[in-house]
Amino acid sequence: MMMTSAVDMTMDELLEACPGAQRALFRNYHIGGCASCGFRPDETLAEVCARNDGLDPAEVLETIRRASAEDERMMISPPQVKRLLESDSVELLDIRTREEYEAVRIEGAQFLDHSLMQQILTNKPKESFLVFVDHKGARSLDAAAYFSGHGFTNIKCLRGGIDAWSVQVDATLPRYTVE
């Protein structure tokens, strides 16, 4: 990501390029987590920095770059997950809506509802190998960050979500769009 072009990117474009940017902005600068500290999708990063105490855009971009590198370390490819599922050494947790899960799912994946989440947080060993799956691979990073924040040390996200799984592993799973 080139600094000058990234500073002039809209927040929508920046979040598309770096899905973890919003978590990084909120964690480090309290930007974008709620209505009072939010930003508009069409604002540039430079504009957001300017109206938040004149933050240095280069520093903010470096923070986002580090967060993106951490996100990359949490990703795991669909073929890798397939091998792990075959060896029964991982739990696949689907964070999509119940409707999405019921319409199409990866065999062996569990729907992560509130009840299962509480069971995992209170009863699972913190070193349990958990892989989160969503539709395209961006929201699962939020779930992984949440569990990591609760002390789990072996957390991954399915790169590209179930959409990538249907292309790389199981072409019989239908692809879909969410409106």
C-alpha atoms as a PDB file:
ATOM      1  CA  MET A   1       0.000   0.000   0.000  1.00  0.00           C
ATOM      2  CA  MET A   2       1.595   3.307  -1.055  1.00  0.00           C
ATOM      3  CA  MET A   3       1.317   5.932   1.660  1.00  0.00           C
ATOM      4  CA  THR A   4       0.151   8.878  -0.453  1.00  0.00           C
ATOM      5  CA  SER A   5      -2.495   6.868  -2.249  1.00  0.00           C
ATOM      6  CA  ALA A   6      -3.613   5.153   0.971  1.00  0.00           C
ATOM      7  CA  VAL A   7      -3.995   8.489   2.760  1.00  0.00           C
ATOM      8  CA  ASP A   8      -6.264   9.636  -0.068  1.00  0.00           C
ATOM      9  CA  MET A   9      -8.284   6.406  -0.162  1.00  0.00           C
ATOM     10  CA  THR A  10     -11.845   6.595   1.051  1.00  0.00           C
ATOM     11  CA  MET A  11     -12.490   4.661   4.231  1.00  0.00           C
ATOM     12  CA  ASP A  12     -14.615   2.274   2.170  1.00  0.00           C
ATOM     13  CA  GLU A  13     -11.631   1.570  -0.119  1.00  0.00           C
ATOM     14  CA  LEU A  14      -9.244   1.272   2.817  1.00  0.00           C
ATOM     15  CA  LEU A  15     -11.478  -1.217   4.636  1.00  0.00           C
ATOM     16  CA  GLU A  16     -11.808  -3.254   1.456  1.00  0.00           C
ATOM     17  CA  ALA A  17      -8.024  -3.391   1.083  1.00  0.00           C
ATOM     18  CA  CYS A  18      -7.343  -3.932   4.808  1.00  0.00           C
ATOM     19  CA  PRO A  19     -10.325  -5.549   6.589  1.00  0.00           C
ATOM     20  CA  GLY A  20      -8.613  -5.194   9.973  1.00  0.00           C
ATOM     21  CA  ALA A  21      -8.186  -1.440   9.614  1.00  0.00           C
ATOM     22  CA  GLN A  22     -11.336  -0.615  11.557  1.00  0.00           C
ATOM     23  CA  ARG A  23     -10.284  -2.794  14.509  1.00  0.00           C
ATOM     24  CA  ALA A  24      -6.824  -1.178  14.454  1.00  0.00           C
ATOM     25  CA  LEU A  25      -8.267   2.338  14.288  1.00  0.00           C
ATOM     26  CA  PHE A  26     -10.606   1.702  17.183  1.00  0.00           C
ATOM     27  CA  ARG A  27      -8.066  -0.143  19.352  1.00  0.00           C
ATOM     28  CA  ASN A  28      -5.325   2.447  18.901  1.00  0.00           C
ATOM     29  CA  TYR A  29      -7.179   5.736  18.362  1.00  0.00           C
ATOM     30  CA  HIS A  30     -10.824   5.140  19.372  1.00  0.00           C
ATOM     31  CA  ILE A  31     -11.953   5.825  15.806  1.00  0.00           C
ATOM     32  CA  GLY A  32     -14.792   3.972  14.089  1.00  0.00           C
ATOM     33  CA  GLY A  33     -16.207   1.826  16.846  1.00  0.00           C
ATOM     34  CA  CYS A  34     -19.456   3.644  17.481  1.00  0.00           C
ATOM     35  CA  ALA A  35     -21.649   6.480  16.211  1.00  0.00           C
ATOM     36  CA  SER A  36     -19.811   9.144  18.212  1.00  0.00           C
ATOM     37  CA  CYS A  37     -16.373   8.190  16.864  1.00  0.00           C
ATOM     38  CA  GLY A  38     -17.435   6.863  13.469  1.00  0.00           C
ATOM     39  CA  PHE A  39     -16.451   7.913   9.997  1.00  0.00           C
ATOM     40  CA  ARG A  40     -18.261   8.146   6.695  1.00  0.00           C
ATOM     41  CA  PRO A  41     -17.426   5.599   3.985  1.00  0.00           C
ATOM     42  CA  ASP A  42     -16.595   8.425   1.557  1.00  0.00           C
ATOM     43  CA  GLU A  43     -14.167  10.217   3.930  1.00  0.00           C
ATOM     44  CA  THR A  44     -10.483   9.827   3.181  1.00  0.00           C
ATOM     45  CA  LEU A  45      -8.059   8.595   5.788  1.00  0.00           C
ATOM     46  CA  ALA A  46      -6.418  12.034   5.703  1.00  0.00           C
ATOM     47  CA  GLU A  47      -9.753  13.659   6.561  1.00  0.00           C
ATOM     48  CA  VAL A  48     -10.388  11.203   9.402  1.00  0.00           C
ATOM     49  CA  CYS A  49      -6.911  11.862  10.811  1.00  0.00           C
ATOM     50  CA  ALA A  50      -7.348  15.645  10.520  1.00  0.00           C
ATOM     51  CA  ARG A  51     -10.602  15.701  12.488  1.00  0.00           C
ATOM     52  CA  ASN A  52      -9.248  13.351  15.159  1.00  0.00           C
ATOM     53  CA  ASP A  53      -6.771  15.657  16.861  1.00  0.00           C
ATOM     54  CA  GLY A  54      -4.649  15.974  13.735  1.00  0.00           C
ATOM     55  CA  LEU A  55      -3.296  12.442  13.867  1.00  0.00           C
ATOM     56  CA  ASP A  56      -0.250  11.793  11.716  1.00  0.00           C
ATOM     57  CA  PRO A  57      -1.552   9.832   8.683  1.00  0.00           C
ATOM     58  CA  ALA A  58       1.833   8.082   8.275  1.00  0.00           C
ATOM     59  CA  GLU A  59       1.664   6.793  11.857  1.00  0.00           C
ATOM     60  CA  VAL A  60      -1.943   5.687  11.397  1.00  0.00           C
ATOM     61  CA  LEU A  61      -1.055   3.875   8.160  1.00  0.00           C
ATOM     62  CA  GLU A  62       1.825   2.095   9.903  1.00  0.00           C
ATOM     63  CA  THR A  63      -0.588   0.970  12.629  1.00  0.00           C
ATOM     64  CA  ILE A  64      -2.976  -0.335   9.959  1.00  0.00           C
ATOM     65  CA  ARG A  65      -0.080  -2.066   8.148  1.00  0.00           C
ATOM     66  CA  ARG A  66       0.953  -3.878  11.338  1.00  0.00           C
ATOM     67  CA  ALA A  67      -2.657  -4.908  11.986  1.00  0.00           C
ATOM     68  CA  SER A  68      -2.943  -6.216   8.409  1.00  0.00           C
ATOM     69  CA  ALA A  69       0.229  -8.270   8.861  1.00  0.00           C
ATOM     70  CA  GLU A  70      -1.239  -9.761  12.038  1.00  0.00           C
ATOM     71  CA  ASP A  71      -4.470 -10.531  10.155  1.00  0.00           C
ATOM     72  CA  GLU A  72      -2.416 -12.359   7.504  1.00  0.00           C
ATOM     73  CA  ARG A  73      -0.829 -14.537  10.191  1.00  0.00           C
ATOM     74  CA  MET A  74      -4.311 -15.552  11.359  1.00  0.00           C
ATOM     75  CA  MET A  75      -5.429 -16.701   7.898  1.00  0.00           C
ATOM     76  CA  ILE A  76      -5.460 -20.318   6.809  1.00  0.00           C
ATOM     77  CA  SER A  77      -6.232 -21.610   3.323  1.00  0.00           C
ATOM     78  CA  PRO A  78      -9.232 -23.787   2.474  1.00  0.00           C
ATOM     79  CA  PRO A  79      -7.028 -26.780   1.442  1.00  0.00           C
ATOM     80  CA  GLN A  80      -5.155 -26.561   4.762  1.00  0.00           C
ATOM     81  CA  VAL A  81      -8.429 -26.560   6.691  1.00  0.00           C
ATOM     82  CA  LYS A  82      -9.682 -29.533   4.663  1.00  0.00           C
ATOM     83  CA  ARG A  83      -6.599 -31.546   5.691  1.00  0.00           C
ATOM     84  CA  LEU A  84      -7.048 -30.525   9.330  1.00  0.00           C
ATOM     85  CA  LEU A  85     -10.725 -31.499   9.291  1.00  0.00           C
ATOM     86  CA  GLU A  86      -9.812 -34.886   7.834  1.00  0.00           C
ATOM     87  CA  SER A  87      -7.357 -35.459  10.679  1.00  0.00           C
ATOM     88  CA  ASP A  88      -9.924 -34.213  13.222  1.00  0.00           C
ATOM     89  CA  SER A  89      -7.442 -31.729  14.685  1.00  0.00           C
ATOM     90  CA  VAL A  90      -9.470 -28.528  14.333  1.00  0.00           C
ATOM     91  CA  GLU A  91     -12.913 -27.138  15.091  1.00  0.00           C
ATOM     92  CA  LEU A  92     -14.551 -25.129  12.333  1.00  0.00           C
ATOM     93  CA  LEU A  93     -16.884 -22.432  13.681  1.00  0.00           C
ATOM     94  CA  ASP A  94     -19.286 -20.779  11.244  1.00  0.00           C
ATOM     95  CA  ILE A  95     -20.157 -17.205  12.218  1.00  0.00           C
ATOM     96  CA  ARG A  96     -22.538 -16.449   9.343  1.00  0.00           C
ATOM     97  CA  THR A  97     -26.260 -15.940   9.927  1.00  0.00           C
ATOM     98  CA  ARG A  98     -28.366 -18.977  10.710  1.00  0.00           C
ATOM     99  CA  GLU A  99     -30.073 -18.589   7.318  1.00  0.00           C
ATOM    100  CA  GLU A 100     -26.738 -18.675   5.488  1.00  0.00           C
ATOM    101  CA  TYR A 101     -25.559 -21.632   7.563  1.00  0.00           C
ATOM    102  CA  GLU A 102     -28.750 -23.602   6.913  1.00  0.00           C
ATOM    103  CA  ALA A 103     -28.633 -22.836   3.192  1.00  0.00           C
ATOM    104  CA  VAL A 104     -25.024 -23.945   2.631  1.00  0.00           C
ATOM    105  CA  ARG A 105     -22.313 -25.093   5.007  1.00  0.00           C
ATOM    106  CA  ILE A 106     -19.017 -26.896   5.187  1.00  0.00           C
ATOM    107  CA  GLU A 107     -19.383 -30.436   6.463  1.00  0.00           C
ATOM    108  CA  GLY A 108     -18.198 -30.560  10.059  1.00  0.00           C
ATOM    109  CA  ALA A 109     -18.645 -26.834  10.701  1.00  0.00           C
ATOM    110  CA  GLN A 110     -20.581 -25.801  13.801  1.00  0.00           C
ATOM    111  CA  PHE A 111     -22.906 -22.808  13.808  1.00  0.00           C
ATOM    112  CA  LEU A 112     -21.496 -20.359  16.349  1.00  0.00           C
ATOM    113  CA  ASP A 113     -24.498 -19.079  18.238  1.00  0.00           C
ATOM    114  CA  HIS A 114     -24.362 -17.349  21.607  1.00  0.00           C
ATOM    115  CA  SER A 115     -24.764 -20.602  23.539  1.00  0.00           C
ATOM    116  CA  LEU A 116     -21.872 -22.350  21.771  1.00  0.00           C
ATOM    117  CA  MET A 117     -19.739 -19.237  22.129  1.00  0.00           C
ATOM    118  CA  GLN A 118     -20.295 -19.237  25.908  1.00  0.00           C
ATOM    119  CA  GLN A 119     -19.499 -22.970  26.112  1.00  0.00           C
ATOM    120  CA  ILE A 120     -16.243 -22.461  24.247  1.00  0.00           C
ATOM    121  CA  LEU A 121     -15.223 -19.416  26.282  1.00  0.00           C
ATOM    122  CA  THR A 122     -15.843 -21.149  29.612  1.00  0.00           C
ATOM    123  CA  ASN A 123     -15.008 -24.807  28.908  1.00  0.00           C
ATOM    124  CA  LYS A 124     -12.520 -25.105  26.032  1.00  0.00           C
ATOM    125  CA  PRO A 125      -8.808 -25.194  26.702  1.00  0.00           C
ATOM    126  CA  LYS A 126      -7.280 -21.893  25.563  1.00  0.00           C
ATOM    127  CA  GLU A 127      -4.926 -23.748  23.189  1.00  0.00           C
ATOM    128  CA  SER A 128      -7.799 -25.385  21.260  1.00  0.00           C
ATOM    129  CA  PHE A 129      -7.383 -25.061  17.489  1.00  0.00           C
ATOM    130  CA  LEU A 130     -10.350 -23.028  16.254  1.00  0.00           C
ATOM    131  CA  VAL A 131     -10.957 -21.843  12.697  1.00  0.00           C
ATOM    132  CA  PHE A 132     -13.647 -19.248  12.046  1.00  0.00           C
ATOM    133  CA  VAL A 133     -15.505 -19.129   8.754  1.00  0.00           C
ATOM    134  CA  ASP A 134     -17.760 -16.473   7.308  1.00  0.00           C
ATOM    135  CA  HIS A 135     -18.924 -15.674   3.793  1.00  0.00           C
ATOM    136  CA  LYS A 136     -15.855 -13.959   2.281  1.00  0.00           C
ATOM    137  CA  GLY A 137     -13.251 -13.983   5.058  1.00  0.00           C
ATOM    138  CA  ALA A 138     -13.446 -10.492   6.584  1.00  0.00           C
ATOM    139  CA  ARG A 139     -15.866 -10.785   9.532  1.00  0.00           C
ATOM    140  CA  SER A 140     -14.188 -13.946  10.772  1.00  0.00           C
ATOM    141  CA  LEU A 141     -11.196 -11.768  11.679  1.00  0.00           C
ATOM    142  CA  ASP A 142     -13.403  -9.950  14.190  1.00  0.00           C
ATOM    143  CA  ALA A 143     -14.444 -13.250  15.764  1.00  0.00           C
ATOM    144  CA  ALA A 144     -10.828 -14.409  15.908  1.00  0.00           C
ATOM    145  CA  ALA A 145      -9.789 -11.131  17.545  1.00  0.00           C
ATOM    146  CA  TYR A 146     -12.564 -11.549  20.113  1.00  0.00           C
ATOM    147  CA  PHE A 147     -11.483 -15.074  21.051  1.00  0.00           C
ATOM    148  CA  SER A 148      -7.832 -14.087  21.019  1.00  0.00           C
ATOM    149  CA  GLY A 149      -8.700 -11.276  23.404  1.00  0.00           C
ATOM    150  CA  HIS A 150     -10.187 -13.910  25.702  1.00  0.00           C
ATOM    151  CA  GLY A 151      -6.894 -15.811  25.826  1.00  0.00           C
ATOM    152  CA  PHE A 152      -7.251 -18.316  22.987  1.00  0.00           C
ATOM    153  CA  THR A 153      -3.862 -18.894  21.398  1.00  0.00           C
ATOM    154  CA  ASN A 154      -4.535 -21.120  18.381  1.00  0.00           C
ATOM    155  CA  ILE A 155      -7.052 -19.143  16.343  1.00  0.00           C
ATOM    156  CA  LYS A 156      -7.317 -18.977  12.549  1.00  0.00           C
ATOM    157  CA  CYS A 157      -9.718 -17.614   9.930  1.00  0.00           C
ATOM    158  CA  LEU A 158     -10.627 -19.350   6.707  1.00  0.00           C
ATOM    159  CA  ARG A 159      -9.059 -17.212   3.969  1.00  0.00           C
ATOM    160  CA  GLY A 160     -11.830 -16.163   1.586  1.00  0.00           C
ATOM    161  CA  GLY A 161     -14.556 -17.754   3.721  1.00  0.00           C
ATOM    162  CA  ILE A 162     -17.017 -20.337   2.484  1.00  0.00           C
ATOM    163  CA  ASP A 163     -16.920 -18.621  -0.894  1.00  0.00           C
ATOM    164  CA  ALA A 164     -13.258 -19.630  -1.349  1.00  0.00           C
ATOM    165  CA  TRP A 165     -13.994 -23.096   0.057  1.00  0.00           C
ATOM    166  CA  SER A 166     -16.568 -23.658  -2.692  1.00  0.00           C
ATOM    167  CA  VAL A 167     -13.962 -22.724  -5.321  1.00  0.00           C
ATOM    168  CA  GLN A 168     -10.862 -24.406  -3.885  1.00  0.00           C
ATOM    169  CA  VAL A 169     -12.204 -27.457  -2.054  1.00  0.00           C
ATOM    170  CA  ASP A 170     -15.830 -28.355  -2.764  1.00  0.00           C
ATOM    171  CA  ALA A 171     -17.358 -27.089  -6.003  1.00  0.00           C
ATOM    172  CA  THR A 172     -20.687 -28.731  -5.056  1.00  0.00           C
ATOM    173  CA  LEU A 173     -21.289 -26.022  -2.454  1.00  0.00           C
ATOM    174  CA  PRO A 174     -23.281 -23.255  -4.090  1.00  0.00           C
ATOM    175  CA  ARG A 175     -21.828 -19.750  -4.076  1.00  0.00           C
ATOM    176  CA  TYR A 176     -24.156 -16.934  -3.147  1.00  0.00           C
ATOM    177  CA  THR A 177     -24.379 -13.192  -2.567  1.00  0.00           C
ATOM    178  CA  VAL A 178     -25.820 -11.371   0.417  1.00  0.00           C
ATOM    179  CA  GLU A 179     -28.019  -8.363  -0.154  1.00  0.00           C
END
